[in-house]
């Protein structure tokens, strides 16, 4: 599974109007590079070393690589999908007089790097209003908020069926996230524990790959699972190729992350007709309307998560009402709107 930012990057480049000739530059030969090429996008590899003094040799080597790519392809615009890309692209763009757009997808500020990137970038795209607040007032004139886009037709493809691994009588609470500390699977486990004892049909399904930078966290969650008296109803699937069968099988999407700048899986679930229970933080409340598309809860509040899930699972009419509202709400975040707005920004910056 690609991260949300990578998937949005892939969707954007793959759906730009044909008049745009795109060269994608990614830091490694991995899933993103493979899928870009599969979608017919020319793709080059250029590493993005950490911007720390002890990586100085790697820094200059990568900077040289970016200079050579820009001299060869002579782009009209550099679109940087992250802070390191904005740093390397910004330096080379500034030297060769190519405008740089930084797409910022993280709400937490970087007090050291932000002032540099804001000066190197001609425009900053924020994926939510929460992310836009990251920037000081003197840079706000450069910031434009454009929500990530989701391929609604892909999410709602009627040919996709429920997962064969889900039994017909299960009531499924789904978590879709990389297994990292910030995603707070521990809270999901604790909240599930509180409601699952009351109904043997309740099951928790966690989809997502282990974060190899923090294997200790995965080990901790596995220990929590083994020690649970309902461990047979907690399912860890690992990475999956297609998440849609799991959305089809879900009664609720649980989103316990503490400070998510956007939350792509929220829109995917809503487009699939799945109501959500999510923490009221970051850009989440810009997507989910409390009491209409699901319920928003206080970050880290296991009690509120459990109560919200219990209410939805106990009241089928409520669940259907939330699901219908979520289904309709998701269309606001459709990919066509995103592409149109991003293309407009690109055209404006080229004319500047």
C-alpha atoms as a PDB file:
ATOM      1  CA  UNK A   1       0.000   0.000   0.000  1.00  0.00           C
ATOM      2  CA  UNK A   2       1.318   3.401  -0.946  1.00  0.00           C
ATOM      3  CA  UNK A   3       1.094   6.126   1.658  1.00  0.00           C
ATOM      4  CA  UNK A   4      -1.682   8.672   1.200  1.00  0.00           C
ATOM      5  CA  UNK A   5       0.700  11.336  -0.097  1.00  0.00           C
ATOM      6  CA  UNK A   6       2.290   8.940  -2.576  1.00  0.00           C
ATOM      7  CA  UNK A   7      -1.109   7.776  -3.821  1.00  0.00           C
ATOM      8  CA  UNK A   8      -2.253  11.365  -4.304  1.00  0.00           C
ATOM      9  CA  UNK A   9       0.987  12.143  -6.173  1.00  0.00           C
ATOM     10  CA  UNK A  10       0.411   9.116  -8.425  1.00  0.00           C
ATOM     11  CA  UNK A  11      -3.233  10.033  -9.057  1.00  0.00           C
ATOM     12  CA  UNK A  12      -2.364  13.621  -9.937  1.00  0.00           C
ATOM     13  CA  UNK A  13       0.427  12.834 -12.389  1.00  0.00           C
ATOM     14  CA  UNK A  14      -1.580  10.008 -13.969  1.00  0.00           C
ATOM     15  CA  UNK A  15      -4.620  12.191 -14.642  1.00  0.00           C
ATOM     16  CA  UNK A  16      -3.186  15.526 -15.765  1.00  0.00           C
ATOM     17  CA  UNK A  17      -4.403  16.720 -19.187  1.00  0.00           C
ATOM     18  CA  UNK A  18      -2.446  15.268 -22.106  1.00  0.00           C
ATOM     19  CA  UNK A  19      -0.935  18.669 -22.847  1.00  0.00           C
ATOM     20  CA  UNK A  20       1.253  18.276 -19.758  1.00  0.00           C
ATOM     21  CA  UNK A  21       4.462  16.365 -20.429  1.00  0.00           C
ATOM     22  CA  UNK A  22       5.433  14.903 -17.056  1.00  0.00           C
ATOM     23  CA  UNK A  23       8.756  13.652 -15.732  1.00  0.00           C
ATOM     24  CA  UNK A  24       8.487  12.072 -12.290  1.00  0.00           C
ATOM     25  CA  UNK A  25      11.572  11.986 -10.072  1.00  0.00           C
ATOM     26  CA  UNK A  26      11.329   9.634  -7.085  1.00  0.00           C
ATOM     27  CA  UNK A  27      13.929   8.678  -4.470  1.00  0.00           C
ATOM     28  CA  UNK A  28      14.057   4.898  -5.005  1.00  0.00           C
ATOM     29  CA  UNK A  29      13.062   1.948  -7.153  1.00  0.00           C
ATOM     30  CA  UNK A  30       9.964   0.926  -5.247  1.00  0.00           C
ATOM     31  CA  UNK A  31       6.200   0.592  -5.644  1.00  0.00           C
ATOM     32  CA  UNK A  32       5.664   4.244  -6.536  1.00  0.00           C
ATOM     33  CA  UNK A  33       8.197   4.159  -9.379  1.00  0.00           C
ATOM     34  CA  UNK A  34       6.724   0.906 -10.686  1.00  0.00           C
ATOM     35  CA  UNK A  35       3.189   2.262 -10.769  1.00  0.00           C
ATOM     36  CA  UNK A  36       4.212   5.584 -12.318  1.00  0.00           C
ATOM     37  CA  UNK A  37       5.873   3.759 -15.190  1.00  0.00           C
ATOM     38  CA  UNK A  38       2.910   1.410 -15.509  1.00  0.00           C
ATOM     39  CA  UNK A  39       0.739   4.493 -15.997  1.00  0.00           C
ATOM     40  CA  UNK A  40       2.982   5.695 -18.812  1.00  0.00           C
ATOM     41  CA  UNK A  41       4.874   8.374 -16.879  1.00  0.00           C
ATOM     42  CA  UNK A  42       8.595   8.840 -17.533  1.00  0.00           C
ATOM     43  CA  UNK A  43      10.293   8.231 -14.200  1.00  0.00           C
ATOM     44  CA  UNK A  44      13.835   8.883 -12.991  1.00  0.00           C
ATOM     45  CA  UNK A  45      15.480   7.983  -9.685  1.00  0.00           C
ATOM     46  CA  UNK A  46      17.275  10.604  -7.587  1.00  0.00           C
ATOM     47  CA  UNK A  47      17.835  10.053  -3.882  1.00  0.00           C
ATOM     48  CA  UNK A  48      16.767  12.569  -1.244  1.00  0.00           C
ATOM     49  CA  UNK A  49      19.392  12.317   1.519  1.00  0.00           C
ATOM     50  CA  UNK A  50      18.690  13.755   4.938  1.00  0.00           C
ATOM     51  CA  UNK A  51      19.568  17.437   5.235  1.00  0.00           C
ATOM     52  CA  UNK A  52      22.007  16.931   8.107  1.00  0.00           C
ATOM     53  CA  UNK A  53      25.713  17.824   8.253  1.00  0.00           C
ATOM     54  CA  UNK A  54      26.940  14.223   8.328  1.00  0.00           C
ATOM     55  CA  UNK A  55      25.189  13.536   4.986  1.00  0.00           C
ATOM     56  CA  UNK A  56      26.988  16.400   3.269  1.00  0.00           C
ATOM     57  CA  UNK A  57      28.635  14.228   0.571  1.00  0.00           C
ATOM     58  CA  UNK A  58      25.343  12.545  -0.304  1.00  0.00           C
ATOM     59  CA  UNK A  59      23.696  15.955  -0.311  1.00  0.00           C
ATOM     60  CA  UNK A  60      26.005  17.374  -2.981  1.00  0.00           C
ATOM     61  CA  UNK A  61      25.816  14.199  -5.046  1.00  0.00           C
ATOM     62  CA  UNK A  62      22.005  14.317  -5.120  1.00  0.00           C
ATOM     63  CA  UNK A  63      21.971  18.047  -5.783  1.00  0.00           C
ATOM     64  CA  UNK A  64      24.206  17.466  -8.794  1.00  0.00           C
ATOM     65  CA  UNK A  65      21.822  14.768 -10.006  1.00  0.00           C
ATOM     66  CA  UNK A  66      18.891  17.213  -9.829  1.00  0.00           C
ATOM     67  CA  UNK A  67      20.866  19.913 -11.650  1.00  0.00           C
ATOM     68  CA  UNK A  68      21.653  17.496 -14.461  1.00  0.00           C
ATOM     69  CA  UNK A  69      18.025  16.374 -14.742  1.00  0.00           C
ATOM     70  CA  UNK A  70      16.803  19.962 -14.955  1.00  0.00           C
ATOM     71  CA  UNK A  71      19.394  20.901 -17.545  1.00  0.00           C
ATOM     72  CA  UNK A  72      18.444  17.863 -19.623  1.00  0.00           C
ATOM     73  CA  UNK A  73      14.664  18.170 -19.470  1.00  0.00           C
ATOM     74  CA  UNK A  74      14.348  21.957 -19.006  1.00  0.00           C
ATOM     75  CA  UNK A  75      10.980  21.857 -17.210  1.00  0.00           C
ATOM     76  CA  UNK A  76       8.641  24.825 -17.030  1.00  0.00           C
ATOM     77  CA  UNK A  77       7.708  23.972 -13.465  1.00  0.00           C
ATOM     78  CA  UNK A  78       8.884  21.870 -10.511  1.00  0.00           C
ATOM     79  CA  UNK A  79       6.174  20.265  -8.402  1.00  0.00           C
ATOM     80  CA  UNK A  80       7.579  18.994  -5.089  1.00  0.00           C
ATOM     81  CA  UNK A  81       5.502  16.412  -3.233  1.00  0.00           C
ATOM     82  CA  UNK A  82       7.115  16.791   0.186  1.00  0.00           C
ATOM     83  CA  UNK A  83       9.642  18.857   2.167  1.00  0.00           C
ATOM     84  CA  UNK A  84      12.857  17.162   1.011  1.00  0.00           C
ATOM     85  CA  UNK A  85      11.710  17.289  -2.602  1.00  0.00           C
ATOM     86  CA  UNK A  86      10.922  20.974  -2.088  1.00  0.00           C
ATOM     87  CA  UNK A  87      14.386  21.552  -0.635  1.00  0.00           C
ATOM     88  CA  UNK A  88      16.338  19.862  -3.438  1.00  0.00           C
ATOM     89  CA  UNK A  89      13.944  21.024  -6.133  1.00  0.00           C
ATOM     90  CA  UNK A  90      13.869  24.504  -4.630  1.00  0.00           C
ATOM     91  CA  UNK A  91      17.636  24.917  -4.684  1.00  0.00           C
ATOM     92  CA  UNK A  92      18.019  23.672  -8.243  1.00  0.00           C
ATOM     93  CA  UNK A  93      14.950  25.580  -9.383  1.00  0.00           C
ATOM     94  CA  UNK A  94      16.205  28.811  -7.856  1.00  0.00           C
ATOM     95  CA  UNK A  95      19.600  28.432  -9.569  1.00  0.00           C
ATOM     96  CA  UNK A  96      18.070  27.595 -12.975  1.00  0.00           C
ATOM     97  CA  UNK A  97      15.132  30.029 -12.662  1.00  0.00           C
ATOM     98  CA  UNK A  98      12.398  27.363 -12.635  1.00  0.00           C
ATOM     99  CA  UNK A  99       9.370  28.041 -10.380  1.00  0.00           C
ATOM    100  CA  UNK A 100       8.766  25.528  -7.578  1.00  0.00           C
ATOM    101  CA  UNK A 101       5.450  24.495  -6.037  1.00  0.00           C
ATOM    102  CA  UNK A 102       5.637  22.707  -2.699  1.00  0.00           C
ATOM    103  CA  UNK A 103       2.712  20.409  -1.877  1.00  0.00           C
ATOM    104  CA  UNK A 104       2.657  20.281   1.915  1.00  0.00           C
ATOM    105  CA  UNK A 105       0.749  17.342   3.417  1.00  0.00           C
ATOM    106  CA  UNK A 106       1.808  17.531   7.080  1.00  0.00           C
ATOM    107  CA  UNK A 107       0.218  19.871   9.602  1.00  0.00           C
ATOM    108  CA  UNK A 108       3.096  19.958  12.108  1.00  0.00           C
ATOM    109  CA  UNK A 109       5.531  22.826  11.430  1.00  0.00           C
ATOM    110  CA  UNK A 110       9.275  22.432  11.035  1.00  0.00           C
ATOM    111  CA  UNK A 111      10.712  25.543  12.686  1.00  0.00           C
ATOM    112  CA  UNK A 112      14.070  25.156  10.937  1.00  0.00           C
ATOM    113  CA  UNK A 113      13.083  24.048   7.437  1.00  0.00           C
ATOM    114  CA  UNK A 114       9.785  25.871   6.890  1.00  0.00           C
ATOM    115  CA  UNK A 115      11.303  29.377   6.502  1.00  0.00           C
ATOM    116  CA  UNK A 116      13.729  28.035   3.890  1.00  0.00           C
ATOM    117  CA  UNK A 117      11.137  26.100   1.905  1.00  0.00           C
ATOM    118  CA  UNK A 118       8.681  28.990   1.989  1.00  0.00           C
ATOM    119  CA  UNK A 119      11.292  31.239   0.403  1.00  0.00           C
ATOM    120  CA  UNK A 120      12.332  28.651  -2.196  1.00  0.00           C
ATOM    121  CA  UNK A 121       8.707  27.951  -3.240  1.00  0.00           C
ATOM    122  CA  UNK A 122       6.669  30.264  -5.414  1.00  0.00           C
ATOM    123  CA  UNK A 123       3.447  28.606  -4.216  1.00  0.00           C
ATOM    124  CA  UNK A 124       2.536  26.218  -1.376  1.00  0.00           C
ATOM    125  CA  UNK A 125      -0.359  23.800  -1.708  1.00  0.00           C
ATOM    126  CA  UNK A 126      -1.836  22.725   1.639  1.00  0.00           C
ATOM    127  CA  UNK A 127      -3.979  19.575   1.687  1.00  0.00           C
ATOM    128  CA  UNK A 128      -6.292  21.008   4.364  1.00  0.00           C
ATOM    129  CA  UNK A 129      -6.974  24.198   6.290  1.00  0.00           C
ATOM    130  CA  UNK A 130      -5.288  22.547   9.258  1.00  0.00           C
ATOM    131  CA  UNK A 131      -2.106  22.198   7.197  1.00  0.00           C
ATOM    132  CA  UNK A 132      -2.385  25.787   5.943  1.00  0.00           C
ATOM    133  CA  UNK A 133      -2.263  27.004   9.560  1.00  0.00           C
ATOM    134  CA  UNK A 134       1.259  25.568   9.762  1.00  0.00           C
ATOM    135  CA  UNK A 135       2.634  28.650   8.024  1.00  0.00           C
ATOM    136  CA  UNK A 136       3.306  32.046   9.545  1.00  0.00           C
ATOM    137  CA  UNK A 137       1.288  35.031   8.399  1.00  0.00           C
ATOM    138  CA  UNK A 138       4.111  36.456   6.297  1.00  0.00           C
ATOM    139  CA  UNK A 139       3.940  33.377   4.044  1.00  0.00           C
ATOM    140  CA  UNK A 140       0.154  32.978   3.893  1.00  0.00           C
ATOM    141  CA  UNK A 141      -0.046  34.813   0.565  1.00  0.00           C
ATOM    142  CA  UNK A 142       1.759  31.856  -0.984  1.00  0.00           C
ATOM    143  CA  UNK A 143      -0.538  29.221   0.506  1.00  0.00           C
ATOM    144  CA  UNK A 144      -3.553  27.729  -1.233  1.00  0.00           C
ATOM    145  CA  UNK A 145      -5.670  24.960   0.257  1.00  0.00           C
ATOM    146  CA  UNK A 146      -6.638  22.180  -2.161  1.00  0.00           C
ATOM    147  CA  UNK A 147      -8.062  18.984  -0.735  1.00  0.00           C
ATOM    148  CA  UNK A 148      -6.712  15.660  -1.939  1.00  0.00           C
ATOM    149  CA  UNK A 149      -8.804  13.982  -4.617  1.00  0.00           C
ATOM    150  CA  UNK A 150     -10.133  10.443  -4.594  1.00  0.00           C
ATOM    151  CA  UNK A 151     -11.189   8.415  -7.623  1.00  0.00           C
ATOM    152  CA  UNK A 152     -14.815   8.033  -6.575  1.00  0.00           C
ATOM    153  CA  UNK A 153     -15.649   5.723  -9.500  1.00  0.00           C
ATOM    154  CA  UNK A 154     -12.819   3.403  -8.377  1.00  0.00           C
ATOM    155  CA  UNK A 155     -14.124   3.355  -4.823  1.00  0.00           C
ATOM    156  CA  UNK A 156     -17.700   2.695  -5.904  1.00  0.00           C
ATOM    157  CA  UNK A 157     -17.025   0.052  -8.555  1.00  0.00           C
ATOM    158  CA  UNK A 158     -19.985  -2.317  -8.169  1.00  0.00           C
ATOM    159  CA  UNK A 159     -17.985  -5.264  -9.513  1.00  0.00           C
ATOM    160  CA  UNK A 160     -15.889  -5.302  -6.321  1.00  0.00           C
ATOM    161  CA  UNK A 161     -17.334  -7.716  -3.790  1.00  0.00           C
ATOM    162  CA  UNK A 162     -16.845  -8.209  -0.075  1.00  0.00           C
ATOM    163  CA  UNK A 163     -13.765 -10.010   1.202  1.00  0.00           C
ATOM    164  CA  UNK A 164     -14.151 -13.790   1.326  1.00  0.00           C
ATOM    165  CA  UNK A 165     -12.380 -13.775   4.685  1.00  0.00           C
ATOM    166  CA  UNK A 166     -15.245 -11.907   6.362  1.00  0.00           C
ATOM    167  CA  UNK A 167     -18.077 -14.089   7.657  1.00  0.00           C
ATOM    168  CA  UNK A 168     -21.600 -13.015   6.806  1.00  0.00           C
ATOM    169  CA  UNK A 169     -22.717 -12.509  10.410  1.00  0.00           C
ATOM    170  CA  UNK A 170     -19.692 -10.427  11.497  1.00  0.00           C
ATOM    171  CA  UNK A 171     -20.009  -6.775  12.506  1.00  0.00           C
ATOM    172  CA  UNK A 172     -16.728  -5.354  11.253  1.00  0.00           C
ATOM    173  CA  UNK A 173     -14.800  -2.393  12.643  1.00  0.00           C
ATOM    174  CA  UNK A 174     -12.083  -1.577  10.122  1.00  0.00           C
ATOM    175  CA  UNK A 175      -8.782   0.262  10.637  1.00  0.00           C
ATOM    176  CA  UNK A 176      -6.800   1.116   7.494  1.00  0.00           C
ATOM    177  CA  UNK A 177      -3.377   2.564   8.275  1.00  0.00           C
ATOM    178  CA  UNK A 178       0.331   1.854   8.281  1.00  0.00           C
ATOM    179  CA  UNK A 179       1.162   0.277  11.629  1.00  0.00           C
ATOM    180  CA  UNK A 180       2.994   3.271  13.097  1.00  0.00           C
ATOM    181  CA  UNK A 181       2.733   4.927  16.515  1.00  0.00           C
ATOM    182  CA  UNK A 182       1.018   8.015  15.130  1.00  0.00           C
ATOM    183  CA  UNK A 183      -1.854   5.890  13.799  1.00  0.00           C
ATOM    184  CA  UNK A 184      -2.690   4.776  17.364  1.00  0.00           C
ATOM    185  CA  UNK A 185      -3.777   1.190  16.826  1.00  0.00           C
ATOM    186  CA  UNK A 186      -3.370   0.763  20.581  1.00  0.00           C
ATOM    187  CA  UNK A 187      -6.387   3.027  21.106  1.00  0.00           C
ATOM    188  CA  UNK A 188      -8.358   1.021  18.551  1.00  0.00           C
ATOM    189  CA  UNK A 189      -7.563  -2.188  20.415  1.00  0.00           C
ATOM    190  CA  UNK A 190      -8.593  -0.714  23.760  1.00  0.00           C
ATOM    191  CA  UNK A 191     -11.845   0.741  22.393  1.00  0.00           C
ATOM    192  CA  UNK A 192     -12.717  -2.524  20.672  1.00  0.00           C
ATOM    193  CA  UNK A 193     -12.079  -4.430  23.886  1.00  0.00           C
ATOM    194  CA  UNK A 194     -14.708  -2.308  25.647  1.00  0.00           C
ATOM    195  CA  UNK A 195     -17.520  -3.071  23.228  1.00  0.00           C
ATOM    196  CA  UNK A 196     -16.636  -6.527  21.920  1.00  0.00           C
ATOM    197  CA  UNK A 197     -17.369  -8.344  25.181  1.00  0.00           C
ATOM    198  CA  UNK A 198     -21.034  -7.432  24.795  1.00  0.00           C
ATOM    199  CA  UNK A 199     -21.462  -8.998  21.350  1.00  0.00           C
ATOM    200  CA  UNK A 200     -19.604 -12.016  19.917  1.00  0.00           C
ATOM    201  CA  UNK A 201     -20.299 -10.824  16.362  1.00  0.00           C
ATOM    202  CA  UNK A 202     -18.032  -7.783  16.694  1.00  0.00           C
ATOM    203  CA  UNK A 203     -14.672  -8.127  14.908  1.00  0.00           C
ATOM    204  CA  UNK A 204     -11.757  -5.703  14.511  1.00  0.00           C
ATOM    205  CA  UNK A 205      -9.862  -5.875  11.210  1.00  0.00           C
ATOM    206  CA  UNK A 206      -6.582  -3.928  10.861  1.00  0.00           C
ATOM    207  CA  UNK A 207      -5.182  -3.442   7.361  1.00  0.00           C
ATOM    208  CA  UNK A 208      -1.736  -2.017   6.768  1.00  0.00           C
ATOM    209  CA  UNK A 209       1.927  -2.860   6.559  1.00  0.00           C
ATOM    210  CA  UNK A 210       4.290  -2.865   9.499  1.00  0.00           C
ATOM    211  CA  UNK A 211       6.409   0.260   9.868  1.00  0.00           C
ATOM    212  CA  UNK A 212       9.908  -1.150   9.472  1.00  0.00           C
ATOM    213  CA  UNK A 213      11.379   1.993  11.042  1.00  0.00           C
ATOM    214  CA  UNK A 214       9.635   1.112  14.295  1.00  0.00           C
ATOM    215  CA  UNK A 215       9.285  -2.687  14.607  1.00  0.00           C
ATOM    216  CA  UNK A 216       8.985  -2.426  18.381  1.00  0.00           C
ATOM    217  CA  UNK A 217       5.575  -0.788  17.996  1.00  0.00           C
ATOM    218  CA  UNK A 218       4.258  -3.684  15.941  1.00  0.00           C
ATOM    219  CA  UNK A 219       5.588  -6.130  18.536  1.00  0.00           C
ATOM    220  CA  UNK A 220       3.800  -4.183  21.274  1.00  0.00           C
ATOM    221  CA  UNK A 221       0.493  -4.325  19.397  1.00  0.00           C
ATOM    222  CA  UNK A 222       0.875  -8.062  18.825  1.00  0.00           C
ATOM    223  CA  UNK A 223       1.447  -8.497  22.567  1.00  0.00           C
ATOM    224  CA  UNK A 224      -1.710  -6.487  23.298  1.00  0.00           C
ATOM    225  CA  UNK A 225      -3.615  -8.719  20.900  1.00  0.00           C
ATOM    226  CA  UNK A 226      -2.340 -11.988  22.381  1.00  0.00           C
ATOM    227  CA  UNK A 227      -3.208 -10.848  25.896  1.00  0.00           C
ATOM    228  CA  UNK A 228      -6.761  -9.918  24.938  1.00  0.00           C
ATOM    229  CA  UNK A 229      -9.506 -12.369  25.901  1.00  0.00           C
ATOM    230  CA  UNK A 230     -11.076 -11.680  22.503  1.00  0.00           C
ATOM    231  CA  UNK A 231      -7.888 -12.086  20.483  1.00  0.00           C
ATOM    232  CA  UNK A 232      -9.667 -14.483  18.110  1.00  0.00           C
ATOM    233  CA  UNK A 233     -11.767 -11.534  16.927  1.00  0.00           C
ATOM    234  CA  UNK A 234      -8.818  -9.219  16.228  1.00  0.00           C
ATOM    235  CA  UNK A 235      -7.434  -9.683  12.719  1.00  0.00           C
ATOM    236  CA  UNK A 236      -4.188  -8.267  11.301  1.00  0.00           C
ATOM    237  CA  UNK A 237      -4.123  -8.674   7.525  1.00  0.00           C
ATOM    238  CA  UNK A 238      -0.873  -6.881   6.729  1.00  0.00           C
ATOM    239  CA  UNK A 239      -0.571  -5.124   3.383  1.00  0.00           C
ATOM    240  CA  UNK A 240      -3.331  -5.749   0.843  1.00  0.00           C
ATOM    241  CA  UNK A 241      -3.340  -5.098  -2.892  1.00  0.00           C
ATOM    242  CA  UNK A 242      -6.889  -3.738  -2.999  1.00  0.00           C
ATOM    243  CA  UNK A 243      -8.595  -2.293   0.064  1.00  0.00           C
ATOM    244  CA  UNK A 244     -12.035  -2.001  -1.515  1.00  0.00           C
ATOM    245  CA  UNK A 245     -13.290  -5.521  -0.612  1.00  0.00           C
ATOM    246  CA  UNK A 246     -12.544  -4.642   3.002  1.00  0.00           C
ATOM    247  CA  UNK A 247     -14.516  -1.397   2.811  1.00  0.00           C
ATOM    248  CA  UNK A 248     -17.400  -3.411   1.342  1.00  0.00           C
ATOM    249  CA  UNK A 249     -17.230  -5.688   4.391  1.00  0.00           C
ATOM    250  CA  UNK A 250     -17.012  -2.951   7.025  1.00  0.00           C
ATOM    251  CA  UNK A 251     -19.746  -1.556   9.254  1.00  0.00           C
ATOM    252  CA  UNK A 252     -17.504   1.231  10.625  1.00  0.00           C
ATOM    253  CA  UNK A 253     -14.158   2.755   9.761  1.00  0.00           C
ATOM    254  CA  UNK A 254     -12.268   3.598  12.944  1.00  0.00           C
ATOM    255  CA  UNK A 255      -9.672   6.355  12.539  1.00  0.00           C
ATOM    256  CA  UNK A 256      -7.795   6.906  15.827  1.00  0.00           C
ATOM    257  CA  UNK A 257      -4.839   8.922  14.430  1.00  0.00           C
ATOM    258  CA  UNK A 258      -4.094  11.971  16.566  1.00  0.00           C
ATOM    259  CA  UNK A 259      -3.118  14.661  14.078  1.00  0.00           C
ATOM    260  CA  UNK A 260      -3.819  13.620  10.511  1.00  0.00           C
ATOM    261  CA  UNK A 261      -3.487  16.498   8.077  1.00  0.00           C
ATOM    262  CA  UNK A 262      -6.093  15.041   5.730  1.00  0.00           C
ATOM    263  CA  UNK A 263      -7.019  11.355   6.000  1.00  0.00           C
ATOM    264  CA  UNK A 264      -7.441   9.800   2.562  1.00  0.00           C
ATOM    265  CA  UNK A 265      -8.901   6.559   3.910  1.00  0.00           C
ATOM    266  CA  UNK A 266     -11.755   8.544   5.453  1.00  0.00           C
ATOM    267  CA  UNK A 267     -12.929   9.633   2.007  1.00  0.00           C
ATOM    268  CA  UNK A 268     -12.402   6.154   0.542  1.00  0.00           C
ATOM    269  CA  UNK A 269     -14.521   4.608   3.282  1.00  0.00           C
ATOM    270  CA  UNK A 270     -17.218   7.274   3.004  1.00  0.00           C
ATOM    271  CA  UNK A 271     -17.350   6.829  -0.777  1.00  0.00           C
ATOM    272  CA  UNK A 272     -17.892   3.131  -0.088  1.00  0.00           C
ATOM    273  CA  UNK A 273     -20.848   3.930   2.174  1.00  0.00           C
ATOM    274  CA  UNK A 274     -19.048   3.279   5.446  1.00  0.00           C
ATOM    275  CA  UNK A 275     -19.677   5.651   8.385  1.00  0.00           C
ATOM    276  CA  UNK A 276     -16.606   6.683  10.349  1.00  0.00           C
ATOM    277  CA  UNK A 277     -15.546   7.205  13.935  1.00  0.00           C
ATOM    278  CA  UNK A 278     -12.523   9.498  13.915  1.00  0.00           C
ATOM    279  CA  UNK A 279     -10.545  11.760  16.205  1.00  0.00           C
ATOM    280  CA  UNK A 280     -11.380  15.455  16.089  1.00  0.00           C
ATOM    281  CA  UNK A 281      -7.932  16.688  15.050  1.00  0.00           C
ATOM    282  CA  UNK A 282      -5.952  17.945  12.077  1.00  0.00           C
ATOM    283  CA  UNK A 283      -7.967  18.066   8.878  1.00  0.00           C
ATOM    284  CA  UNK A 284     -10.359  15.280   9.888  1.00  0.00           C
ATOM    285  CA  UNK A 285     -13.183  17.617  10.873  1.00  0.00           C
ATOM    286  CA  UNK A 286     -12.953  19.226   7.417  1.00  0.00           C
ATOM    287  CA  UNK A 287     -13.947  15.872   5.921  1.00  0.00           C
ATOM    288  CA  UNK A 288     -16.290  14.263   8.462  1.00  0.00           C
ATOM    289  CA  UNK A 289     -19.320  16.137   9.766  1.00  0.00           C
ATOM    290  CA  UNK A 290     -20.055  15.091  13.322  1.00  0.00           C
ATOM    291  CA  UNK A 291     -23.402  13.353  13.618  1.00  0.00           C
ATOM    292  CA  UNK A 292     -23.930  13.361   9.827  1.00  0.00           C
ATOM    293  CA  UNK A 293     -21.220  11.192   8.251  1.00  0.00           C
ATOM    294  CA  UNK A 294     -20.053   9.568  11.461  1.00  0.00           C
ATOM    295  CA  UNK A 295     -18.848  10.682  14.869  1.00  0.00           C
ATOM    296  CA  UNK A 296     -15.845  12.776  15.872  1.00  0.00           C
ATOM    297  CA  UNK A 297     -14.267  12.034  19.235  1.00  0.00           C
ATOM    298  CA  UNK A 298     -11.663  13.625  21.475  1.00  0.00           C
ATOM    299  CA  UNK A 299      -8.122  12.473  20.613  1.00  0.00           C
ATOM    300  CA  UNK A 300      -6.962   9.581  22.836  1.00  0.00           C
ATOM    301  CA  UNK A 301     -10.437   9.127  24.336  1.00  0.00           C
ATOM    302  CA  UNK A 302     -11.006   5.389  24.331  1.00  0.00           C
ATOM    303  CA  UNK A 303     -14.342   5.894  26.097  1.00  0.00           C
ATOM    304  CA  UNK A 304     -15.672   8.185  23.370  1.00  0.00           C
ATOM    305  CA  UNK A 305     -14.474   5.865  20.602  1.00  0.00           C
ATOM    306  CA  UNK A 306     -16.142   2.882  22.238  1.00  0.00           C
ATOM    307  CA  UNK A 307     -19.365   4.802  22.863  1.00  0.00           C
ATOM    308  CA  UNK A 308     -19.558   6.082  19.269  1.00  0.00           C
ATOM    309  CA  UNK A 309     -18.945   2.638  17.782  1.00  0.00           C
ATOM    310  CA  UNK A 310     -21.431   1.065  20.159  1.00  0.00           C
ATOM    311  CA  UNK A 311     -24.127   3.565  19.142  1.00  0.00           C
ATOM    312  CA  UNK A 312     -23.655   2.876  15.444  1.00  0.00           C
ATOM    313  CA  UNK A 313     -23.533  -0.911  15.778  1.00  0.00           C
ATOM    314  CA  UNK A 314     -26.584  -0.994  18.040  1.00  0.00           C
ATOM    315  CA  UNK A 315     -28.778   1.122  15.775  1.00  0.00           C
ATOM    316  CA  UNK A 316     -29.087  -0.053  12.187  1.00  0.00           C
ATOM    317  CA  UNK A 317     -31.199   2.947  11.145  1.00  0.00           C
ATOM    318  CA  UNK A 318     -28.526   5.302  12.476  1.00  0.00           C
ATOM    319  CA  UNK A 319     -25.800   3.387  10.669  1.00  0.00           C
ATOM    320  CA  UNK A 320     -27.715   3.536   7.372  1.00  0.00           C
ATOM    321  CA  UNK A 321     -28.369   7.255   7.750  1.00  0.00           C
ATOM    322  CA  UNK A 322     -24.707   7.987   8.460  1.00  0.00           C
ATOM    323  CA  UNK A 323     -23.615   5.728   5.595  1.00  0.00           C
ATOM    324  CA  UNK A 324     -25.865   7.489   3.083  1.00  0.00           C
ATOM    325  CA  UNK A 325     -24.688  10.909   4.188  1.00  0.00           C
ATOM    326  CA  UNK A 326     -21.038   9.820   4.061  1.00  0.00           C
ATOM    327  CA  UNK A 327     -21.555   8.388   0.576  1.00  0.00           C
ATOM    328  CA  UNK A 328     -22.882  11.722  -0.707  1.00  0.00           C
ATOM    329  CA  UNK A 329     -20.314  13.797   1.181  1.00  0.00           C
ATOM    330  CA  UNK A 330     -17.373  11.951  -0.399  1.00  0.00           C
ATOM    331  CA  UNK A 331     -18.121  13.406  -3.839  1.00  0.00           C
ATOM    332  CA  UNK A 332     -16.825  16.795  -2.662  1.00  0.00           C
ATOM    333  CA  UNK A 333     -13.362  15.235  -2.647  1.00  0.00           C
ATOM    334  CA  UNK A 334     -13.517  13.668  -6.099  1.00  0.00           C
ATOM    335  CA  UNK A 335     -10.366  13.443  -8.174  1.00  0.00           C
ATOM    336  CA  UNK A 336     -11.653  15.543 -11.071  1.00  0.00           C
ATOM    337  CA  UNK A 337     -12.087  18.574  -8.798  1.00  0.00           C
ATOM    338  CA  UNK A 338      -8.575  18.082  -7.442  1.00  0.00           C
ATOM    339  CA  UNK A 339      -7.008  17.801 -10.903  1.00  0.00           C
ATOM    340  CA  UNK A 340      -8.851  20.904 -12.132  1.00  0.00           C
ATOM    341  CA  UNK A 341      -7.695  23.015  -9.179  1.00  0.00           C
ATOM    342  CA  UNK A 342      -4.107  21.756  -9.304  1.00  0.00           C
ATOM    343  CA  UNK A 343      -3.879  22.335 -13.048  1.00  0.00           C
ATOM    344  CA  UNK A 344      -5.123  25.876 -12.587  1.00  0.00           C
ATOM    345  CA  UNK A 345      -2.343  26.550 -10.059  1.00  0.00           C
ATOM    346  CA  UNK A 346       0.277  25.066 -12.409  1.00  0.00           C
ATOM    347  CA  UNK A 347      -0.903  27.285 -15.265  1.00  0.00           C
ATOM    348  CA  UNK A 348      -0.926  30.395 -13.057  1.00  0.00           C
ATOM    349  CA  UNK A 349       2.629  29.765 -11.858  1.00  0.00           C
ATOM    350  CA  UNK A 350       3.994  29.218 -15.346  1.00  0.00           C
ATOM    351  CA  UNK A 351       2.499  32.537 -16.471  1.00  0.00           C
ATOM    352  CA  UNK A 352       3.900  34.396 -13.459  1.00  0.00           C
END
